[in-house]
Amino acid sequence: MRTYGDRCGIARALDIVGERWALLVVRELLLGPKRFTDLRAGLPHIGPDVLSQRLRELEESGVVQRDKLPPPAASQVYALTERGRALEPVVLELGRWGSRAPLPGEDAPLGADAAMLALKTMFRGQGLRATYEVRLGEDRYAVRVDGHRLDIEPGSSHGQDATIGTDPGTLATVLWHGGAESDLRVEGSRPSVSRFLDLFRTA
C-alpha cells in the first residue's frame, strides 16, 4: 500500500482510505453487511479486481471484516469493523460538502444505499416523530425519525405511518432538484410524507 510518509493524522487516514473507491466501499457498508455482488451492484463502475483489492486493503487496515450470514443463506459478506463504522460522520460530512459540487451527467447512477445516506447527510431534525418504509425498487428501508435523530436500517418496517415507493433518482429529484411529490407512490398519510420530506430539503 502506498503511503504519504507523513506523521499527520490526516495523511495517515488517507494512507488507509485515500485510494480510489475506498471511501465509496465504506459508504456501501454503512447501512450493513453486503456480499461481493451487492457491492458491485452499488458500485457499477468498479471492476471486480479493483474491488477485491480495495476490500483486501481495508481488511488489512482493520476497517472491513469478513463475516458469514447464518443458514440458510450462509453467504460470505463484508462488514465494517468498529473502526470502520467510526468513519460514518466523516463520510456524511463529505457528502454534505460535496452536495454543493456540480452534478455529473444524467446517466451517472445513484444507488439505493447512497440515496438513503444522502438523507442522513441532509437531515435537519424538526421535532417530527414518525416511522416510514422507503422502497427503492427491490430495496426496503425502515426509517425512524425521533426529533433530532434519524435511524435507517435495511429491511421492511412495521407499524409505519406511511410507505414511500420510488427509485433513487426520482427521490433525489423530488427532494433537491424541483421534482413533484406526486411522483412518489405513497401509502398512508401524505401530510406525514410531506413533513418527512421537508426534513431533507435545502431550501
Protein backbone atom coordinates (compact mmCIF):
# COMPACT_ATOMS: atom_id res chain seq x y z
CA MET A 1 0.00 0.00 0.00
CA ARG A 2 1.28 3.44 -0.89
CA THR A 3 1.89 5.94 1.90
CA TYR A 4 2.28 9.68 2.13
CA GLY A 5 5.07 9.19 4.66
CA ASP A 6 3.62 12.00 6.77
CA ARG A 7 3.01 11.74 10.53
CA CYS A 8 -0.08 13.98 10.38
CA GLY A 9 -3.28 12.13 11.29
CA ILE A 10 -4.95 13.33 8.07
CA ALA A 11 -2.17 11.83 5.98
CA ARG A 12 -2.26 8.58 7.95
CA ALA A 13 -6.03 8.37 7.45
CA LEU A 14 -5.59 8.90 3.72
CA ASP A 15 -2.98 6.14 3.71
CA ILE A 16 -5.88 3.84 4.60
CA VAL A 17 -8.93 5.27 2.81
CA GLY A 18 -7.40 7.66 0.28
CA GLU A 19 -7.14 5.19 -2.59
CA ARG A 20 -9.72 5.50 -5.36
CA TRP A 21 -13.02 3.72 -4.44
CA ALA A 22 -12.01 3.05 -0.82
CA LEU A 23 -14.39 5.53 0.79
CA LEU A 24 -17.18 4.51 -1.56
CA VAL A 25 -16.73 0.92 -0.42
CA VAL A 26 -17.10 2.21 3.15
CA ARG A 27 -20.21 4.14 2.09
CA GLU A 28 -21.77 0.98 0.68
CA LEU A 29 -21.26 -0.82 4.01
CA LEU A 30 -22.51 1.89 6.37
CA LEU A 31 -26.06 0.53 6.43
CA GLY A 32 -24.99 -3.06 6.95
CA PRO A 33 -23.01 -6.03 5.59
CA LYS A 34 -23.06 -6.88 1.90
CA ARG A 35 -21.99 -9.67 -0.39
CA PHE A 36 -19.38 -9.01 -3.05
CA THR A 37 -22.11 -9.00 -5.72
CA ASP A 38 -24.12 -6.44 -3.71
CA LEU A 39 -21.08 -4.17 -3.57
CA ARG A 40 -20.66 -4.49 -7.33
CA ALA A 41 -24.31 -3.55 -7.80
CA GLY A 42 -23.88 -0.42 -5.65
CA LEU A 43 -20.62 0.50 -7.41
CA PRO A 44 -21.31 -0.43 -11.04
CA HIS A 45 -18.23 1.31 -12.44
CA ILE A 46 -15.67 -0.53 -10.32
CA GLY A 47 -14.00 -3.60 -11.77
CA PRO A 48 -14.05 -6.85 -9.77
CA ASP A 49 -10.27 -6.92 -9.45
CA VAL A 50 -10.12 -3.37 -8.09
CA LEU A 51 -12.96 -4.08 -5.67
CA SER A 52 -11.19 -7.19 -4.43
CA GLN A 53 -8.02 -5.19 -3.92
CA ARG A 54 -9.76 -2.40 -2.02
CA LEU A 55 -11.56 -4.89 0.22
CA ARG A 56 -8.29 -6.68 0.93
CA GLU A 57 -6.55 -3.39 1.79
CA LEU A 58 -9.40 -2.23 4.01
CA GLU A 59 -9.45 -5.60 5.73
CA GLU A 60 -5.72 -5.47 6.37
CA SER A 61 -6.15 -1.97 7.84
CA GLY A 62 -8.88 -3.10 10.24
CA VAL A 63 -11.67 -1.14 8.52
CA VAL A 64 -13.53 -4.10 6.98
CA GLN A 65 -14.01 -7.68 8.13
CA ARG A 66 -15.44 -10.79 6.51
CA ASP A 67 -18.47 -12.40 8.12
CA LYS A 68 -20.80 -15.24 7.22
CA LEU A 69 -24.58 -14.99 7.19
CA PRO A 70 -26.42 -17.61 9.26
CA PRO A 71 -28.11 -20.53 7.46
CA PRO A 72 -29.89 -20.95 5.16
CA ALA A 73 -28.05 -18.13 3.34
CA ALA A 74 -24.57 -18.94 4.70
CA SER A 75 -23.11 -16.37 2.28
CA GLN A 76 -19.83 -14.57 2.88
CA VAL A 77 -20.38 -10.88 3.45
CA TYR A 78 -18.21 -7.87 4.12
CA ALA A 79 -18.93 -5.63 7.10
CA LEU A 80 -17.40 -2.60 8.74
CA THR A 81 -15.47 -3.10 11.93
CA GLU A 82 -15.95 -0.73 14.84
CA ARG A 83 -13.09 1.31 13.42
CA GLY A 84 -14.79 1.32 10.02
CA ARG A 85 -18.13 2.42 11.47
CA ALA A 86 -16.35 5.36 13.08
CA LEU A 87 -15.93 6.74 9.55
CA GLU A 88 -19.68 7.42 9.22
CA PRO A 89 -19.59 11.09 10.34
CA VAL A 90 -16.59 11.66 8.05
CA VAL A 91 -18.42 10.17 5.05
CA LEU A 92 -21.63 12.07 5.81
CA GLU A 93 -19.78 15.37 6.17
CA LEU A 94 -18.01 14.73 2.86
CA GLY A 95 -21.43 14.13 1.33
CA ARG A 96 -22.70 17.41 2.77
CA TRP A 97 -19.66 19.24 1.41
CA GLY A 98 -19.90 17.51 -1.97
CA SER A 99 -23.61 18.29 -2.37
CA ARG A 100 -22.57 21.79 -3.45
CA ALA A 101 -20.43 20.47 -6.32
CA PRO A 102 -21.80 20.30 -9.89
CA LEU A 103 -23.73 17.14 -10.72
CA PRO A 104 -22.21 14.63 -13.14
CA GLY A 105 -24.02 13.60 -16.32
CA GLU A 106 -27.64 12.49 -16.19
CA ASP A 107 -26.61 8.88 -16.77
CA ALA A 108 -24.50 8.79 -13.59
CA PRO A 109 -26.03 6.20 -11.26
CA LEU A 110 -27.32 6.78 -7.75
CA GLY A 111 -27.51 3.60 -5.72
CA ALA A 112 -30.26 2.87 -3.20
CA ASP A 113 -27.93 2.92 -0.18
CA ALA A 114 -26.28 6.10 -1.46
CA ALA A 115 -29.69 7.76 -1.72
CA MET A 116 -30.57 6.78 1.84
CA LEU A 117 -27.23 8.02 3.14
CA ALA A 118 -27.93 11.30 1.33
CA LEU A 119 -30.98 11.59 3.61
CA LYS A 120 -28.68 11.26 6.62
CA THR A 121 -26.37 13.85 5.09
CA MET A 122 -29.11 16.45 4.61
CA PHE A 123 -31.25 15.65 7.68
CA ARG A 124 -32.44 18.60 9.77
CA GLY A 125 -34.40 17.47 12.81
CA GLN A 126 -37.58 19.46 13.42
CA GLY A 127 -39.34 17.58 16.18
CA LEU A 128 -41.14 15.07 13.94
CA ARG A 129 -41.63 11.59 15.41
CA ALA A 130 -42.72 9.02 12.86
CA THR A 131 -41.77 5.78 11.13
CA TYR A 132 -41.65 5.19 7.39
CA GLU A 133 -40.84 2.44 4.96
CA VAL A 134 -38.95 3.64 1.90
CA ARG A 135 -39.00 1.31 -1.09
CA LEU A 136 -36.41 1.99 -3.77
CA GLY A 137 -37.03 -0.66 -6.39
CA GLU A 138 -36.43 -4.01 -4.71
CA ASP A 139 -34.68 -2.41 -1.72
CA ARG A 140 -36.59 -1.72 1.51
CA TYR A 141 -35.57 0.59 4.35
CA ALA A 142 -37.09 1.20 7.76
CA VAL A 143 -36.71 4.88 8.58
CA ARG A 144 -37.42 6.23 12.06
CA VAL A 145 -37.45 9.92 12.91
CA ASP A 146 -37.34 10.85 16.57
CA GLY A 147 -36.94 14.58 16.90
CA HIS A 148 -33.33 15.29 16.01
CA ARG A 149 -32.43 11.65 15.45
CA LEU A 150 -32.72 9.72 12.18
CA ASP A 151 -32.25 5.94 12.04
CA ILE A 152 -32.17 3.99 8.78
CA GLU A 153 -31.99 0.21 8.60
CA PRO A 154 -32.24 -2.10 5.60
CA GLY A 155 -35.43 -4.16 5.57
CA SER A 156 -39.15 -3.64 5.91
CA SER A 157 -40.69 -1.52 8.63
CA HIS A 158 -43.61 -2.42 10.89
CA GLY A 159 -46.37 -0.08 12.00
CA GLN A 160 -45.13 2.71 9.77
CA ASP A 161 -47.02 5.98 9.38
CA ALA A 162 -46.54 5.82 5.61
CA THR A 163 -44.74 3.98 2.83
CA ILE A 164 -42.86 5.79 0.08
CA GLY A 165 -42.13 4.00 -3.18
CA THR A 166 -39.89 5.34 -5.94
CA ASP A 167 -36.37 4.94 -7.34
CA PRO A 168 -33.19 6.66 -6.06
CA GLY A 169 -33.00 9.19 -8.88
CA THR A 170 -36.63 10.27 -8.55
CA LEU A 171 -36.28 10.62 -4.78
CA ALA A 172 -33.27 12.90 -5.26
CA THR A 173 -35.13 14.91 -7.90
CA VAL A 174 -38.14 15.41 -5.64
CA LEU A 175 -36.01 16.48 -2.71
CA TRP A 176 -33.34 18.64 -4.31
CA HIS A 177 -33.99 19.28 -8.00
CA GLY A 178 -37.54 20.59 -8.24
CA GLY A 179 -39.45 17.33 -8.69
CA ALA A 180 -43.06 16.97 -7.60
CA GLU A 181 -44.11 14.95 -4.56
CA SER A 182 -46.82 13.43 -6.73
CA ASP A 183 -44.06 11.49 -8.50
CA LEU A 184 -43.75 9.37 -5.34
CA ARG A 185 -46.02 6.41 -4.64
CA VAL A 186 -47.40 6.90 -1.15
CA GLU A 187 -49.37 4.52 1.03
CA GLY A 188 -50.66 6.08 4.22
CA SER A 189 -50.62 9.70 5.30
CA ARG A 190 -49.47 12.08 2.55
CA PRO A 191 -49.22 15.02 5.00
CA SER A 192 -46.87 12.89 7.10
CA VAL A 193 -44.77 12.19 4.00
CA SER A 194 -44.64 15.92 3.18
CA ARG A 195 -43.39 16.67 6.71
CA PHE A 196 -40.83 13.88 6.32
CA LEU A 197 -39.52 15.22 3.00
CA ASP A 198 -39.19 18.72 4.48
CA LEU A 199 -36.55 17.35 6.87
CA PHE A 200 -34.10 16.96 3.98
CA ARG A 201 -34.75 19.89 1.69
CA THR A 202 -32.11 22.58 1.48
CA ALA A 203 -34.48 25.48 0.95
